[in-house]
Amino acid sequence: KAHGYPSQLSGGQQQRVAIARALAME
């Protein structure tokens, strides 16, 4: 789903992207 936009993702997928975003800052 790397190239999907938030509106194309389910709530659970959006929250997992949010977790990945936080983790990317290590």
PDB file of all heavy atoms in Angstrom:
ATOM      1  N   LYS A   1       0.823  -1.221   0.000  1.00  0.00           N
ATOM      2  CA  LYS A   1       0.000   0.000   0.000  1.00  0.00           C
ATOM      3  C   LYS A   1       0.856   1.271   0.000  1.00  0.00           C
ATOM      4  O   LYS A   1       0.350   2.365   0.238  1.00  0.00           O
ATOM      5  CB  LYS A   1      -0.905   0.031   1.244  1.00  0.00           C
ATOM      6  CG  LYS A   1      -1.835  -1.158   1.365  1.00  0.00           C
ATOM      7  CD  LYS A   1      -2.968  -1.092   0.364  1.00  0.00           C
ATOM      8  CE  LYS A   1      -3.975  -2.200   0.584  1.00  0.00           C
ATOM      9  NZ  LYS A   1      -5.023  -2.205  -0.428  1.00  0.00           N
ATOM     10  N   ALA A   2       2.151   1.126  -0.274  1.00  0.00           N
ATOM     11  CA  ALA A   2       3.088   2.263  -0.166  1.00  0.00           C
ATOM     12  C   ALA A   2       2.623   3.480  -0.958  1.00  0.00           C
ATOM     13  O   ALA A   2       2.810   4.625  -0.532  1.00  0.00           O
ATOM     14  CB  ALA A   2       4.476   1.836  -0.636  1.00  0.00           C
ATOM     15  N   HIS A   3       2.012   3.256  -2.116  1.00  0.00           N
ATOM     16  CA  HIS A   3       1.629   4.385  -2.974  1.00  0.00           C
ATOM     17  C   HIS A   3       0.144   4.740  -2.850  1.00  0.00           C
ATOM     18  O   HIS A   3      -0.357   5.583  -3.592  1.00  0.00           O
ATOM     19  CB  HIS A   3       2.023   4.085  -4.430  1.00  0.00           C
ATOM     20  CG  HIS A   3       3.507   3.824  -4.552  1.00  0.00           C
ATOM     21  ND1 HIS A   3       4.451   4.812  -4.344  1.00  0.00           N
ATOM     22  CD2 HIS A   3       4.193   2.673  -4.783  1.00  0.00           C
ATOM     23  CE1 HIS A   3       5.664   4.283  -4.458  1.00  0.00           C
ATOM     24  NE2 HIS A   3       5.533   2.994  -4.727  1.00  0.00           N
ATOM     25  N   GLY A   4      -0.517   4.104  -1.876  1.00  0.00           N
ATOM     26  CA  GLY A   4      -1.923   4.440  -1.625  1.00  0.00           C
ATOM     27  C   GLY A   4      -2.020   5.685  -0.759  1.00  0.00           C
ATOM     28  O   GLY A   4      -1.129   5.964   0.051  1.00  0.00           O
ATOM     29  N   TYR A   5      -3.098   6.430  -0.938  1.00  0.00           N
ATOM     30  CA  TYR A   5      -3.333   7.633  -0.136  1.00  0.00           C
ATOM     31  C   TYR A   5      -4.247   7.274   1.043  1.00  0.00           C
ATOM     32  O   TYR A   5      -4.991   6.284   0.980  1.00  0.00           O
ATOM     33  CB  TYR A   5      -3.964   8.734  -1.001  1.00  0.00           C
ATOM     34  CG  TYR A   5      -2.942   9.339  -1.930  1.00  0.00           C
ATOM     35  CD1 TYR A   5      -2.638   8.726  -3.155  1.00  0.00           C
ATOM     36  CD2 TYR A   5      -2.234  10.484  -1.569  1.00  0.00           C
ATOM     37  CE1 TYR A   5      -1.669   9.244  -3.994  1.00  0.00           C
ATOM     38  CE2 TYR A   5      -1.259  11.013  -2.405  1.00  0.00           C
ATOM     39  CZ  TYR A   5      -0.980  10.396  -3.621  1.00  0.00           C
ATOM     40  OH  TYR A   5      -0.010  10.908  -4.430  1.00  0.00           O
ATOM     41  N   PRO A   6      -4.190   8.061   2.135  1.00  0.00           N
ATOM     42  CA  PRO A   6      -5.001   7.742   3.309  1.00  0.00           C
ATOM     43  C   PRO A   6      -6.472   7.441   2.989  1.00  0.00           C
ATOM     44  O   PRO A   6      -7.055   6.511   3.551  1.00  0.00           O
ATOM     45  CB  PRO A   6      -4.853   8.998   4.182  1.00  0.00           C
ATOM     46  CG  PRO A   6      -3.477   9.483   3.870  1.00  0.00           C
ATOM     47  CD  PRO A   6      -3.302   9.214   2.399  1.00  0.00           C
ATOM     48  N   SER A   7      -7.057   8.194   2.045  1.00  0.00           N
ATOM     49  CA  SER A   7      -8.480   7.978   1.723  1.00  0.00           C
ATOM     50  C   SER A   7      -8.731   6.608   1.094  1.00  0.00           C
ATOM     51  O   SER A   7      -9.866   6.137   1.044  1.00  0.00           O
ATOM     52  CB  SER A   7      -8.973   9.070   0.773  1.00  0.00           C
ATOM     53  OG  SER A   7      -8.232   9.018  -0.436  1.00  0.00           O
ATOM     54  N   GLN A   8      -7.655   5.971   0.616  1.00  0.00           N
ATOM     55  CA  GLN A   8      -7.803   4.649  -0.018  1.00  0.00           C
ATOM     56  C   GLN A   8      -7.527   3.511   0.964  1.00  0.00           C
ATOM     57  O   GLN A   8      -7.591   2.343   0.599  1.00  0.00           O
ATOM     58  CB  GLN A   8      -6.832   4.542  -1.209  1.00  0.00           C
ATOM     59  CG  GLN A   8      -7.092   5.598  -2.290  1.00  0.00           C
ATOM     60  CD  GLN A   8      -5.935   5.690  -3.294  1.00  0.00           C
ATOM     61  OE1 GLN A   8      -4.771   5.684  -2.919  1.00  0.00           O
ATOM     62  NE2 GLN A   8      -6.277   5.765  -4.567  1.00  0.00           N
ATOM     63  N   LEU A   9      -7.206   3.875   2.204  1.00  0.00           N
ATOM     64  CA  LEU A   9      -6.834   2.864   3.195  1.00  0.00           C
ATOM     65  C   LEU A   9      -7.924   2.738   4.257  1.00  0.00           C
ATOM     66  O   LEU A   9      -8.616   3.708   4.569  1.00  0.00           O
ATOM     67  CB  LEU A   9      -5.517   3.256   3.891  1.00  0.00           C
ATOM     68  CG  LEU A   9      -4.301   3.497   2.993  1.00  0.00           C
ATOM     69  CD1 LEU A   9      -3.124   3.998   3.828  1.00  0.00           C
ATOM     70  CD2 LEU A   9      -3.917   2.229   2.241  1.00  0.00           C
ATOM     71  N   SER A  10      -8.047   1.545   4.826  1.00  0.00           N
ATOM     72  CA  SER A  10      -8.979   1.354   5.948  1.00  0.00           C
ATOM     73  C   SER A  10      -8.413   2.066   7.182  1.00  0.00           C
ATOM     74  O   SER A  10      -7.228   2.433   7.220  1.00  0.00           O
ATOM     75  CB  SER A  10      -9.128  -0.131   6.259  1.00  0.00           C
ATOM     76  OG  SER A  10      -7.925  -0.622   6.846  1.00  0.00           O
ATOM     77  N   GLY A  11      -9.248   2.207   8.216  1.00  0.00           N
ATOM     78  CA  GLY A  11      -8.781   2.839   9.455  1.00  0.00           C
ATOM     79  C   GLY A  11      -7.597   2.098  10.053  1.00  0.00           C
ATOM     80  O   GLY A  11      -6.620   2.703  10.495  1.00  0.00           O
ATOM     81  N   GLY A  12      -7.678   0.748  10.048  1.00  0.00           N
ATOM     82  CA  GLY A  12      -6.576  -0.046  10.600  1.00  0.00           C
ATOM     83  C   GLY A  12      -5.290   0.152   9.817  1.00  0.00           C
ATOM     84  O   GLY A  12      -4.196   0.240  10.392  1.00  0.00           O
ATOM     85  N   GLN A  13      -5.411   0.234   8.486  1.00  0.00           N
ATOM     86  CA  GLN A  13      -4.225   0.464   7.650  1.00  0.00           C
ATOM     87  C   GLN A  13      -3.650   1.855   7.906  1.00  0.00           C
ATOM     88  O   GLN A  13      -2.427   2.020   7.998  1.00  0.00           O
ATOM     89  CB  GLN A  13      -4.590   0.288   6.178  1.00  0.00           C
ATOM     90  CG  GLN A  13      -4.858  -1.167   5.802  1.00  0.00           C
ATOM     91  CD  GLN A  13      -5.464  -1.316   4.422  1.00  0.00           C
ATOM     92  OE1 GLN A  13      -6.082  -0.391   3.883  1.00  0.00           O
ATOM     93  NE2 GLN A  13      -5.309  -2.483   3.831  1.00  0.00           N
ATOM     94  N   GLN A  14      -4.534   2.850   8.032  1.00  0.00           N
ATOM     95  CA  GLN A  14      -4.045   4.213   8.317  1.00  0.00           C
ATOM     96  C   GLN A  14      -3.291   4.251   9.654  1.00  0.00           C
ATOM     97  O   GLN A  14      -2.245   4.883   9.758  1.00  0.00           O
ATOM     98  CB  GLN A  14      -5.215   5.198   8.362  1.00  0.00           C
ATOM     99  CG  GLN A  14      -5.823   5.480   6.991  1.00  0.00           C
ATOM    100  CD  GLN A  14      -6.902   6.538   7.083  1.00  0.00           C
ATOM    101  OE1 GLN A  14      -6.640   7.681   7.451  1.00  0.00           O
ATOM    102  NE2 GLN A  14      -8.130   6.164   6.757  1.00  0.00           N
ATOM    103  N   GLN A  15      -3.835   3.549  10.646  1.00  0.00           N
ATOM    104  CA  GLN A  15      -3.164   3.565  11.954  1.00  0.00           C
ATOM    105  C   GLN A  15      -1.823   2.843  11.888  1.00  0.00           C
ATOM    106  O   GLN A  15      -0.855   3.258  12.524  1.00  0.00           O
ATOM    107  CB  GLN A  15      -4.086   2.939  13.019  1.00  0.00           C
ATOM    108  CG  GLN A  15      -3.633   3.148  14.454  1.00  0.00           C
ATOM    109  CD  GLN A  15      -3.529   4.610  14.857  1.00  0.00           C
ATOM    110  OE1 GLN A  15      -2.699   5.362  14.317  1.00  0.00           O
ATOM    111  NE2 GLN A  15      -4.347   5.033  15.804  1.00  0.00           N
ATOM    112  N   ARG A  16      -1.742   1.795  11.057  1.00  0.00           N
ATOM    113  CA  ARG A  16      -0.453   1.099  10.906  1.00  0.00           C
ATOM    114  C   ARG A  16       0.563   1.993  10.174  1.00  0.00           C
ATOM    115  O   ARG A  16       1.756   1.961  10.483  1.00  0.00           O
ATOM    116  CB  ARG A  16      -0.647  -0.232  10.180  1.00  0.00           C
ATOM    117  CG  ARG A  16      -1.253  -1.293  11.097  1.00  0.00           C
ATOM    118  CD  ARG A  16      -1.272  -2.657  10.452  1.00  0.00           C
ATOM    119  NE  ARG A  16      -2.345  -2.817   9.495  1.00  0.00           N
ATOM    120  CZ  ARG A  16      -2.305  -3.648   8.467  1.00  0.00           C
ATOM    121  NH1 ARG A  16      -1.236  -4.391   8.225  1.00  0.00           N
ATOM    122  NH2 ARG A  16      -3.342  -3.759   7.653  1.00  0.00           N
ATOM    123  N   VAL A  17       0.085   2.801   9.230  1.00  0.00           N
ATOM    124  CA  VAL A  17       0.981   3.777   8.580  1.00  0.00           C
ATOM    125  C   VAL A  17       1.466   4.783   9.622  1.00  0.00           C
ATOM    126  O   VAL A  17       2.650   5.159   9.654  1.00  0.00           O
ATOM    127  CB  VAL A  17       0.278   4.511   7.405  1.00  0.00           C
ATOM    128  CG1 VAL A  17       1.156   5.648   6.874  1.00  0.00           C
ATOM    129  CG2 VAL A  17      -0.047   3.539   6.272  1.00  0.00           C
ATOM    130  N   ALA A  18       0.556   5.210  10.511  1.00  0.00           N
ATOM    131  CA  ALA A  18       0.937   6.165  11.563  1.00  0.00           C
ATOM    132  C   ALA A  18       2.010   5.567  12.478  1.00  0.00           C
ATOM    133  O   ALA A  18       2.947   6.258  12.898  1.00  0.00           O
ATOM    134  CB  ALA A  18      -0.292   6.579  12.370  1.00  0.00           C
ATOM    135  N   ILE A  19       1.894   4.264  12.763  1.00  0.00           N
ATOM    136  CA  ILE A  19       2.917   3.599  13.586  1.00  0.00           C
ATOM    137  C   ILE A  19       4.244   3.547  12.824  1.00  0.00           C
ATOM    138  O   ILE A  19       5.309   3.843  13.387  1.00  0.00           O
ATOM    139  CB  ILE A  19       2.453   2.174  13.983  1.00  0.00           C
ATOM    140  CG1 ILE A  19       1.250   2.270  14.931  1.00  0.00           C
ATOM    141  CG2 ILE A  19       3.597   1.392  14.637  1.00  0.00           C
ATOM    142  CD1 ILE A  19       0.580   0.922  15.238  1.00  0.00           C
ATOM    143  N   ALA A  20       4.190   3.202  11.538  1.00  0.00           N
ATOM    144  CA  ALA A  20       5.410   3.160  10.713  1.00  0.00           C
ATOM    145  C   ALA A  20       6.063   4.544  10.667  1.00  0.00           C
ATOM    146  O   ALA A  20       7.293   4.670  10.739  1.00  0.00           O
ATOM    147  CB  ALA A  20       5.077   2.685   9.298  1.00  0.00           C
ATOM    148  N   ARG A  21       5.232   5.579  10.574  1.00  0.00           N
ATOM    149  CA  ARG A  21       5.760   6.960  10.529  1.00  0.00           C
ATOM    150  C   ARG A  21       6.504   7.291  11.825  1.00  0.00           C
ATOM    151  O   ARG A  21       7.587   7.877  11.796  1.00  0.00           O
ATOM    152  CB  ARG A  21       4.600   7.934  10.315  1.00  0.00           C
ATOM    153  CG  ARG A  21       5.039   9.390  10.267  1.00  0.00           C
ATOM    154  CD  ARG A  21       3.888  10.329  10.005  1.00  0.00           C
ATOM    155  NE  ARG A  21       2.869  10.254  11.045  1.00  0.00           N
ATOM    156  CZ  ARG A  21       1.734  10.935  11.035  1.00  0.00           C
ATOM    157  NH1 ARG A  21       1.452  11.735  10.025  1.00  0.00           N
ATOM    158  NH2 ARG A  21       0.864  10.824  12.010  1.00  0.00           N
ATOM    159  N   ALA A  22       5.932   6.899  12.971  1.00  0.00           N
ATOM    160  CA  ALA A  22       6.603   7.147  14.254  1.00  0.00           C
ATOM    161  C   ALA A  22       7.899   6.340  14.355  1.00  0.00           C
ATOM    162  O   ALA A  22       8.934   6.849  14.800  1.00  0.00           O
ATOM    163  CB  ALA A  22       5.665   6.800  15.407  1.00  0.00           C
ATOM    164  N   LEU A  23       7.858   5.086  13.887  1.00  0.00           N
ATOM    165  CA  LEU A  23       9.046   4.220  13.965  1.00  0.00           C
ATOM    166  C   LEU A  23      10.171   4.708  13.064  1.00  0.00           C
ATOM    167  O   LEU A  23      11.351   4.498  13.365  1.00  0.00           O
ATOM    168  CB  LEU A  23       8.679   2.787  13.573  1.00  0.00           C
ATOM    169  CG  LEU A  23       7.804   2.004  14.551  1.00  0.00           C
ATOM    170  CD1 LEU A  23       7.399   0.675  13.931  1.00  0.00           C
ATOM    171  CD2 LEU A  23       8.540   1.773  15.863  1.00  0.00           C
ATOM    172  N   ALA A  24       9.812   5.352  11.963  1.00  0.00           N
ATOM    173  CA  ALA A  24      10.830   5.810  10.995  1.00  0.00           C
ATOM    174  C   ALA A  24      11.788   6.827  11.604  1.00  0.00           C
ATOM    175  O   ALA A  24      12.902   7.009  11.114  1.00  0.00           O
ATOM    176  CB  ALA A  24      10.148   6.396   9.761  1.00  0.00           C
ATOM    177  N   MET A  25      11.354   7.480  12.691  1.00  0.00           N
ATOM    178  CA  MET A  25      12.247   8.424  13.383  1.00  0.00           C
ATOM    179  C   MET A  25      13.215   7.699  14.325  1.00  0.00           C
ATOM    180  O   MET A  25      14.039   8.306  14.976  1.00  0.00           O
ATOM    181  CB  MET A  25      11.413   9.430  14.176  1.00  0.00           C
ATOM    182  CG  MET A  25      10.579  10.350  13.300  1.00  0.00           C
ATOM    183  SD  MET A  25      11.583  11.377  12.208  1.00  0.00           S
ATOM    184  CE  MET A  25      12.299  12.512  13.392  1.00  0.00           C
ATOM    185  N   GLU A  26      13.059   6.358  14.405  1.00  0.00           N
ATOM    186  CA  GLU A  26      13.890   5.505  15.271  1.00  0.00           C
ATOM    187  C   GLU A  26      13.890   6.021  16.711  1.00  0.00           C
ATOM    188  O   GLU A  26      14.943   6.311  17.293  1.00  0.00           O
ATOM    189  CB  GLU A  26      15.299   5.371  14.681  1.00  0.00           C
ATOM    190  CG  GLU A  26      15.240   4.696  13.329  1.00  0.00           C
ATOM    191  CD  GLU A  26      16.566   4.552  12.614  1.00  0.00           C
ATOM    192  OE1 GLU A  26      17.490   5.327  12.904  1.00  0.00           O
ATOM    193  OE2 GLU A  26      16.652   3.660  11.759  1.00  0.00           O
TER     194      GLU A  26
END
